[in-house]
Amino acid sequence: METPDNKRHNSRTPFHQPVGLEIWEQGAEHVHDTGRAIDLSADGGGLATKYPLKRGDVVKLLVPVGVTNVRLPVYASVVWSKVTDDGFRAGVTFLA
């Protein structure tokens, strides 16, 4: 259920799948990493990663889809990020 504090326009659906990450940090080099999608909506999603994503980073997610898990490239911007016990958790919004 959405709470009054929640700024999301669409509800999230659990999507526990590994994803590839290509990261373009502001003022830094291009980085390749992996992570795990936690949930998805029409506008964005949640990620768990070992890489310290920062607000404003642009990432290319390689999301597995279909029976053959073809990796669909999706661009997103990091909206928030926080440290967890085993890495980082981030929220992203998809770019058009």
N, C-alpha and C. Protein backbone atom coordinates (compact mmCIF):
# COMPACT_ATOMS: atom_id res chain seq x y z
N MET A 1 0.83 -1.18 0.00
CA MET A 1 0.00 0.00 0.00
C MET A 1 0.87 1.25 0.00
N GLU A 2 0.48 2.24 -0.78
CA GLU A 2 1.22 3.48 -0.84
C GLU A 2 0.92 4.32 0.40
N THR A 3 1.93 4.94 0.96
CA THR A 3 1.76 5.79 2.13
C THR A 3 1.73 7.25 1.69
N PRO A 4 1.21 8.16 2.53
CA PRO A 4 1.20 9.58 2.16
C PRO A 4 2.59 10.14 1.90
N ASP A 5 3.63 9.59 2.55
CA ASP A 5 5.00 10.07 2.36
C ASP A 5 5.61 9.57 1.05
N ASN A 6 5.00 8.56 0.45
CA ASN A 6 5.54 7.95 -0.74
C ASN A 6 5.30 8.85 -1.94
N LYS A 7 6.37 9.20 -2.68
CA LYS A 7 6.26 10.10 -3.81
C LYS A 7 6.08 9.35 -5.13
N ARG A 8 5.94 8.05 -5.11
CA ARG A 8 5.78 7.26 -6.32
C ARG A 8 4.41 7.46 -6.92
N HIS A 9 4.37 7.49 -8.26
CA HIS A 9 3.11 7.62 -8.98
C HIS A 9 2.53 6.25 -9.33
N ASN A 10 3.38 5.23 -9.39
CA ASN A 10 2.95 3.88 -9.74
C ASN A 10 3.43 2.91 -8.67
N SER A 11 2.64 1.88 -8.41
CA SER A 11 3.05 0.89 -7.41
C SER A 11 4.17 0.04 -7.97
N ARG A 12 5.01 -0.44 -7.07
CA ARG A 12 6.15 -1.29 -7.45
C ARG A 12 5.74 -2.75 -7.39
N THR A 13 6.35 -3.55 -8.27
CA THR A 13 6.14 -4.98 -8.31
C THR A 13 7.47 -5.65 -7.98
N PRO A 14 7.49 -6.64 -7.08
CA PRO A 14 8.76 -7.33 -6.79
C PRO A 14 9.36 -7.90 -8.08
N PHE A 15 10.68 -7.77 -8.21
CA PHE A 15 11.39 -8.25 -9.40
C PHE A 15 12.81 -8.60 -8.98
N HIS A 16 12.96 -9.70 -8.32
CA HIS A 16 14.26 -10.09 -7.77
C HIS A 16 15.07 -10.81 -8.85
N GLN A 17 15.79 -10.02 -9.66
CA GLN A 17 16.59 -10.55 -10.75
C GLN A 17 17.95 -9.87 -10.77
N PRO A 18 19.00 -10.61 -11.16
CA PRO A 18 20.29 -9.96 -11.34
C PRO A 18 20.24 -9.03 -12.55
N VAL A 19 20.91 -7.90 -12.46
CA VAL A 19 20.98 -6.95 -13.57
C VAL A 19 22.42 -6.50 -13.75
N GLY A 20 22.78 -6.24 -14.99
CA GLY A 20 24.06 -5.62 -15.28
C GLY A 20 23.92 -4.12 -15.10
N LEU A 21 24.98 -3.46 -14.69
CA LEU A 21 24.98 -2.01 -14.50
C LEU A 21 26.14 -1.39 -15.25
N GLU A 22 25.87 -0.36 -16.00
CA GLU A 22 26.90 0.49 -16.55
C GLU A 22 26.62 1.86 -15.97
N ILE A 23 27.63 2.46 -15.34
CA ILE A 23 27.43 3.67 -14.56
C ILE A 23 28.26 4.81 -15.12
N TRP A 24 27.60 5.95 -15.29
CA TRP A 24 28.27 7.19 -15.68
C TRP A 24 28.14 8.14 -14.51
N GLU A 25 29.17 8.18 -13.66
CA GLU A 25 29.15 9.09 -12.52
C GLU A 25 29.45 10.50 -12.99
N GLN A 26 28.91 11.47 -12.28
CA GLN A 26 29.22 12.86 -12.60
C GLN A 26 30.70 13.09 -12.35
N GLY A 27 31.43 13.47 -13.39
CA GLY A 27 32.85 13.76 -13.27
C GLY A 27 33.75 12.56 -13.08
N ALA A 28 33.29 11.34 -13.42
CA ALA A 28 34.11 10.14 -13.23
C ALA A 28 34.08 9.27 -14.48
N GLU A 29 34.77 8.16 -14.40
CA GLU A 29 34.87 7.22 -15.51
C GLU A 29 33.63 6.33 -15.62
N HIS A 30 33.53 5.65 -16.73
CA HIS A 30 32.47 4.68 -17.01
C HIS A 30 32.79 3.39 -16.24
N VAL A 31 31.83 2.89 -15.46
CA VAL A 31 32.04 1.73 -14.60
C VAL A 31 31.07 0.61 -14.98
N HIS A 32 31.55 -0.63 -15.01
CA HIS A 32 30.69 -1.81 -15.23
C HIS A 32 30.58 -2.56 -13.91
N ASP A 33 29.37 -2.98 -13.53
CA ASP A 33 29.15 -3.72 -12.29
C ASP A 33 27.90 -4.57 -12.44
N THR A 34 27.58 -5.30 -11.41
CA THR A 34 26.34 -6.07 -11.39
C THR A 34 25.59 -5.72 -10.12
N GLY A 35 24.31 -6.00 -10.12
CA GLY A 35 23.48 -5.75 -8.96
C GLY A 35 22.25 -6.63 -9.03
N ARG A 36 21.28 -6.31 -8.23
CA ARG A 36 20.03 -7.06 -8.20
C ARG A 36 18.87 -6.07 -8.19
N ALA A 37 17.95 -6.27 -9.14
CA ALA A 37 16.73 -5.48 -9.13
C ALA A 37 15.87 -6.00 -7.98
N ILE A 38 15.32 -5.11 -7.21
CA ILE A 38 14.47 -5.46 -6.08
C ILE A 38 13.00 -5.37 -6.47
N ASP A 39 12.68 -4.25 -7.13
CA ASP A 39 11.30 -4.05 -7.58
C ASP A 39 11.31 -3.10 -8.77
N LEU A 40 10.20 -3.11 -9.52
CA LEU A 40 10.06 -2.27 -10.70
C LEU A 40 8.67 -1.67 -10.76
N SER A 41 8.56 -0.51 -11.40
CA SER A 41 7.28 0.10 -11.72
C SER A 41 7.41 0.68 -13.12
N ALA A 42 6.39 1.33 -13.59
CA ALA A 42 6.45 1.96 -14.91
C ALA A 42 7.44 3.11 -14.93
N ASP A 43 7.71 3.73 -13.77
CA ASP A 43 8.58 4.90 -13.70
C ASP A 43 9.99 4.65 -13.20
N GLY A 44 10.23 3.55 -12.48
CA GLY A 44 11.54 3.34 -11.88
C GLY A 44 11.63 2.02 -11.16
N GLY A 45 12.61 1.94 -10.26
CA GLY A 45 12.79 0.69 -9.54
C GLY A 45 13.77 0.83 -8.39
N GLY A 46 13.94 -0.26 -7.69
CA GLY A 46 14.88 -0.33 -6.58
C GLY A 46 16.00 -1.30 -6.93
N LEU A 47 17.22 -0.97 -6.54
CA LEU A 47 18.40 -1.79 -6.83
C LEU A 47 19.19 -2.06 -5.56
N ALA A 48 19.81 -3.23 -5.53
CA ALA A 48 20.81 -3.54 -4.50
C ALA A 48 22.11 -3.77 -5.25
N THR A 49 23.19 -3.16 -4.78
CA THR A 49 24.48 -3.27 -5.46
C THR A 49 25.62 -3.12 -4.47
N LYS A 50 26.78 -3.57 -4.85
CA LYS A 50 27.99 -3.36 -4.05
C LYS A 50 28.64 -2.02 -4.39
N TYR A 51 28.24 -1.43 -5.52
CA TYR A 51 28.84 -0.18 -5.98
C TYR A 51 28.14 1.02 -5.33
N PRO A 52 28.89 2.02 -4.87
CA PRO A 52 28.30 3.17 -4.19
C PRO A 52 27.65 4.17 -5.15
N LEU A 53 26.44 3.85 -5.60
CA LEU A 53 25.72 4.78 -6.47
C LEU A 53 25.41 6.05 -5.70
N LYS A 54 25.38 7.17 -6.43
CA LYS A 54 25.08 8.46 -5.81
C LYS A 54 23.94 9.13 -6.56
N ARG A 55 23.19 9.95 -5.85
CA ARG A 55 22.11 10.72 -6.47
C ARG A 55 22.65 11.47 -7.68
N GLY A 56 21.95 11.37 -8.80
CA GLY A 56 22.38 12.04 -10.02
C GLY A 56 23.17 11.17 -10.97
N ASP A 57 23.71 10.04 -10.49
CA ASP A 57 24.41 9.13 -11.39
C ASP A 57 23.43 8.63 -12.44
N VAL A 58 23.92 8.46 -13.67
CA VAL A 58 23.12 7.86 -14.74
C VAL A 58 23.62 6.43 -14.90
N VAL A 59 22.68 5.48 -14.93
CA VAL A 59 23.04 4.07 -15.06
C VAL A 59 22.30 3.46 -16.25
N LYS A 60 22.98 2.52 -16.90
CA LYS A 60 22.32 1.70 -17.91
C LYS A 60 22.12 0.34 -17.26
N LEU A 61 20.87 -0.04 -17.08
CA LEU A 61 20.53 -1.34 -16.50
C LEU A 61 20.35 -2.34 -17.63
N LEU A 62 20.91 -3.50 -17.49
CA LEU A 62 20.70 -4.58 -18.44
C LEU A 62 19.77 -5.58 -17.77
N VAL A 63 18.47 -5.43 -18.04
CA VAL A 63 17.40 -6.15 -17.34
C VAL A 63 17.01 -7.41 -18.11
N PRO A 64 17.04 -8.59 -17.45
CA PRO A 64 16.64 -9.82 -18.15
C PRO A 64 15.11 -9.85 -18.34
N VAL A 65 14.70 -10.16 -19.57
CA VAL A 65 13.27 -10.26 -19.88
C VAL A 65 13.00 -11.51 -20.72
N GLY A 66 11.78 -11.99 -20.62
CA GLY A 66 11.35 -13.11 -21.45
C GLY A 66 11.90 -14.44 -20.98
N VAL A 67 11.51 -15.46 -21.68
CA VAL A 67 11.90 -16.83 -21.35
C VAL A 67 13.40 -17.04 -21.47
N THR A 68 14.01 -16.36 -22.45
CA THR A 68 15.45 -16.54 -22.67
C THR A 68 16.30 -15.53 -21.90
N ASN A 69 15.65 -14.67 -21.09
CA ASN A 69 16.35 -13.65 -20.29
C ASN A 69 17.23 -12.74 -21.13
N VAL A 70 16.73 -12.34 -22.31
CA VAL A 70 17.43 -11.35 -23.12
C VAL A 70 17.60 -10.11 -22.26
N ARG A 71 18.78 -9.49 -22.31
CA ARG A 71 19.08 -8.35 -21.44
C ARG A 71 18.71 -7.04 -22.14
N LEU A 72 17.62 -6.44 -21.71
CA LEU A 72 17.10 -5.20 -22.27
C LEU A 72 17.81 -4.01 -21.64
N PRO A 73 18.45 -3.13 -22.45
CA PRO A 73 19.09 -1.95 -21.88
C PRO A 73 18.06 -0.88 -21.53
N VAL A 74 18.13 -0.39 -20.29
CA VAL A 74 17.22 0.65 -19.81
C VAL A 74 18.06 1.70 -19.08
N TYR A 75 17.90 2.96 -19.45
CA TYR A 75 18.65 4.04 -18.80
C TYR A 75 17.84 4.62 -17.65
N ALA A 76 18.55 4.95 -16.56
CA ALA A 76 17.88 5.48 -15.37
C ALA A 76 18.80 6.45 -14.65
N SER A 77 18.19 7.29 -13.84
CA SER A 77 18.92 8.24 -13.00
C SER A 77 18.70 7.86 -11.54
N VAL A 78 19.77 7.89 -10.75
CA VAL A 78 19.68 7.55 -9.33
C VAL A 78 19.01 8.72 -8.59
N VAL A 79 17.91 8.41 -7.90
CA VAL A 79 17.15 9.40 -7.15
C VAL A 79 17.61 9.44 -5.69
N TRP A 80 17.92 8.27 -5.13
CA TRP A 80 18.41 8.19 -3.76
C TRP A 80 19.29 6.95 -3.63
N SER A 81 20.14 6.95 -2.63
CA SER A 81 21.01 5.81 -2.35
C SER A 81 21.33 5.80 -0.86
N LYS A 82 21.43 4.60 -0.29
CA LYS A 82 21.81 4.49 1.11
C LYS A 82 22.67 3.25 1.32
N VAL A 83 23.48 3.31 2.35
CA VAL A 83 24.36 2.20 2.72
C VAL A 83 23.52 1.14 3.43
N THR A 84 23.81 -0.15 3.11
CA THR A 84 23.17 -1.27 3.80
C THR A 84 24.27 -2.15 4.39
N ASP A 85 23.88 -3.19 5.09
CA ASP A 85 24.86 -4.09 5.69
C ASP A 85 25.73 -4.80 4.65
N ASP A 86 25.19 -5.02 3.45
CA ASP A 86 25.95 -5.75 2.44
C ASP A 86 26.21 -4.95 1.16
N GLY A 87 26.15 -3.63 1.24
CA GLY A 87 26.43 -2.81 0.07
C GLY A 87 25.60 -1.55 0.07
N PHE A 88 24.84 -1.38 -1.00
CA PHE A 88 24.04 -0.17 -1.17
C PHE A 88 22.67 -0.53 -1.71
N ARG A 89 21.71 0.30 -1.42
CA ARG A 89 20.35 0.19 -1.95
C ARG A 89 20.07 1.53 -2.61
N ALA A 90 19.49 1.52 -3.81
CA ALA A 90 19.22 2.77 -4.53
C ALA A 90 17.86 2.72 -5.20
N GLY A 91 17.28 3.88 -5.35
CA GLY A 91 16.06 4.05 -6.12
C GLY A 91 16.39 4.80 -7.39
N VAL A 92 15.86 4.34 -8.51
CA VAL A 92 16.13 4.98 -9.79
C VAL A 92 14.82 5.34 -10.49
N THR A 93 14.90 6.36 -11.33
CA THR A 93 13.79 6.71 -12.19
C THR A 93 14.25 6.51 -13.63
N PHE A 94 13.39 5.91 -14.45
CA PHE A 94 13.74 5.63 -15.83
C PHE A 94 13.77 6.91 -16.64
N LEU A 95 14.73 6.98 -17.57
CA LEU A 95 14.86 8.13 -18.46
C LEU A 95 14.20 7.81 -19.78
N ALA A 96 13.55 8.78 -20.37
CA ALA A 96 12.86 8.59 -21.65
C ALA A 96 13.82 8.65 -22.80
